[in-house]
């Protein structure tokens, strides 16, 4: 197993550049480690999403087409 020793302060951009230098296999391992953590979605956020889904079901015309919106950005 490869080891990496870092005894320096890095800002986020430097960390990103360091990760880009890793092999694809190691980059995937980092990705898996980051996203495998239990990420709890706050109840408040869940409520917002459920409210938006309910509104969309009641009035589907309020939804915007992504293709059309993306052209205006």
C-alpha atoms as a PDB file:
ATOM      1  CA  UNK A   1       0.000   0.000   0.000  1.00  0.00           C
ATOM      2  CA  UNK A   2       1.240   3.426  -0.967  1.00  0.00           C
ATOM      3  CA  UNK A   3       1.642   5.946   1.816  1.00  0.00           C
ATOM      4  CA  UNK A   4       1.513   9.681   1.602  1.00  0.00           C
ATOM      5  CA  UNK A   5       3.045  11.849   4.294  1.00  0.00           C
ATOM      6  CA  UNK A   6       2.028  15.471   4.433  1.00  0.00           C
ATOM      7  CA  UNK A   7       3.358  17.881   7.012  1.00  0.00           C
ATOM      8  CA  UNK A   8       2.232  21.068   5.315  1.00  0.00           C
ATOM      9  CA  UNK A   9      -0.788  23.342   5.395  1.00  0.00           C
ATOM     10  CA  UNK A  10      -2.868  23.199   2.211  1.00  0.00           C
ATOM     11  CA  UNK A  11      -5.682  25.399   1.045  1.00  0.00           C
ATOM     12  CA  UNK A  12      -8.548  23.695  -0.772  1.00  0.00           C
ATOM     13  CA  UNK A  13      -7.158  24.442  -4.243  1.00  0.00           C
ATOM     14  CA  UNK A  14      -3.794  22.951  -3.339  1.00  0.00           C
ATOM     15  CA  UNK A  15      -5.520  19.874  -1.941  1.00  0.00           C
ATOM     16  CA  UNK A  16      -7.506  19.474  -5.152  1.00  0.00           C
ATOM     17  CA  UNK A  17      -4.321  19.737  -7.210  1.00  0.00           C
ATOM     18  CA  UNK A  18      -2.645  17.129  -5.001  1.00  0.00           C
ATOM     19  CA  UNK A  19      -5.567  14.736  -5.447  1.00  0.00           C
ATOM     20  CA  UNK A  20      -5.462  15.248  -9.225  1.00  0.00           C
ATOM     21  CA  UNK A  21      -1.920  13.889  -9.200  1.00  0.00           C
ATOM     22  CA  UNK A  22      -3.067  10.554  -7.772  1.00  0.00           C
ATOM     23  CA  UNK A  23      -3.793   7.525  -9.898  1.00  0.00           C
ATOM     24  CA  UNK A  24      -7.396   7.042 -11.039  1.00  0.00           C
ATOM     25  CA  UNK A  25      -7.695   4.101  -8.644  1.00  0.00           C
ATOM     26  CA  UNK A  26      -6.612   6.215  -5.663  1.00  0.00           C
ATOM     27  CA  UNK A  27      -8.850   9.094  -6.716  1.00  0.00           C
ATOM     28  CA  UNK A  28     -11.799   6.698  -6.737  1.00  0.00           C
ATOM     29  CA  UNK A  29     -10.828   5.471  -3.280  1.00  0.00           C
ATOM     30  CA  UNK A  30     -10.870   9.046  -2.013  1.00  0.00           C
ATOM     31  CA  UNK A  31     -14.218   9.654  -3.666  1.00  0.00           C
ATOM     32  CA  UNK A  32     -15.652   6.506  -2.081  1.00  0.00           C
ATOM     33  CA  UNK A  33     -14.297   7.485   1.333  1.00  0.00           C
ATOM     34  CA  UNK A  34     -15.836  10.949   1.115  1.00  0.00           C
ATOM     35  CA  UNK A  35     -19.263   9.832  -0.073  1.00  0.00           C
ATOM     36  CA  UNK A  36     -19.567   6.642   1.972  1.00  0.00           C
ATOM     37  CA  UNK A  37     -19.962   8.637   5.183  1.00  0.00           C
ATOM     38  CA  UNK A  38     -23.448   8.643   6.567  1.00  0.00           C
ATOM     39  CA  UNK A  39     -24.832  11.880   5.288  1.00  0.00           C
ATOM     40  CA  UNK A  40     -27.945  12.863   7.160  1.00  0.00           C
ATOM     41  CA  UNK A  41     -30.278  15.234   5.398  1.00  0.00           C
ATOM     42  CA  UNK A  42     -31.718  17.693   7.914  1.00  0.00           C
ATOM     43  CA  UNK A  43     -35.442  17.308   8.551  1.00  0.00           C
ATOM     44  CA  UNK A  44     -35.980  20.923   7.511  1.00  0.00           C
ATOM     45  CA  UNK A  45     -34.477  20.191   4.086  1.00  0.00           C
ATOM     46  CA  UNK A  46     -36.568  17.044   3.715  1.00  0.00           C
ATOM     47  CA  UNK A  47     -39.716  19.069   4.446  1.00  0.00           C
ATOM     48  CA  UNK A  48     -38.798  21.654   1.815  1.00  0.00           C
ATOM     49  CA  UNK A  49     -38.340  18.963  -0.827  1.00  0.00           C
ATOM     50  CA  UNK A  50     -41.625  17.251   0.081  1.00  0.00           C
ATOM     51  CA  UNK A  51     -43.451  20.595  -0.058  1.00  0.00           C
ATOM     52  CA  UNK A  52     -42.018  21.301  -3.513  1.00  0.00           C
ATOM     53  CA  UNK A  53     -43.017  17.849  -4.761  1.00  0.00           C
ATOM     54  CA  UNK A  54     -46.561  18.377  -3.464  1.00  0.00           C
ATOM     55  CA  UNK A  55     -46.780  21.800  -5.164  1.00  0.00           C
ATOM     56  CA  UNK A  56     -45.521  20.318  -8.430  1.00  0.00           C
ATOM     57  CA  UNK A  57     -48.178  17.590  -8.312  1.00  0.00           C
ATOM     58  CA  UNK A  58     -50.908  20.149  -7.688  1.00  0.00           C
ATOM     59  CA  UNK A  59     -49.730  22.508 -10.441  1.00  0.00           C
ATOM     60  CA  UNK A  60     -47.317  20.838 -12.896  1.00  0.00           C
ATOM     61  CA  UNK A  61     -47.350  23.962 -15.101  1.00  0.00           C
ATOM     62  CA  UNK A  62     -45.296  25.792 -12.458  1.00  0.00           C
ATOM     63  CA  UNK A  63     -42.310  23.615 -13.366  1.00  0.00           C
ATOM     64  CA  UNK A  64     -39.766  24.935 -15.831  1.00  0.00           C
ATOM     65  CA  UNK A  65     -38.177  22.955 -18.617  1.00  0.00           C
ATOM     66  CA  UNK A  66     -34.436  22.659 -18.034  1.00  0.00           C
ATOM     67  CA  UNK A  67     -33.586  22.937 -21.730  1.00  0.00           C
ATOM     68  CA  UNK A  68     -35.404  26.253 -21.977  1.00  0.00           C
ATOM     69  CA  UNK A  69     -34.027  27.620 -18.709  1.00  0.00           C
ATOM     70  CA  UNK A  70     -30.450  26.603 -19.467  1.00  0.00           C
ATOM     71  CA  UNK A  71     -30.545  28.606 -22.713  1.00  0.00           C
ATOM     72  CA  UNK A  72     -31.281  31.788 -20.766  1.00  0.00           C
ATOM     73  CA  UNK A  73     -28.357  31.400 -18.385  1.00  0.00           C
END
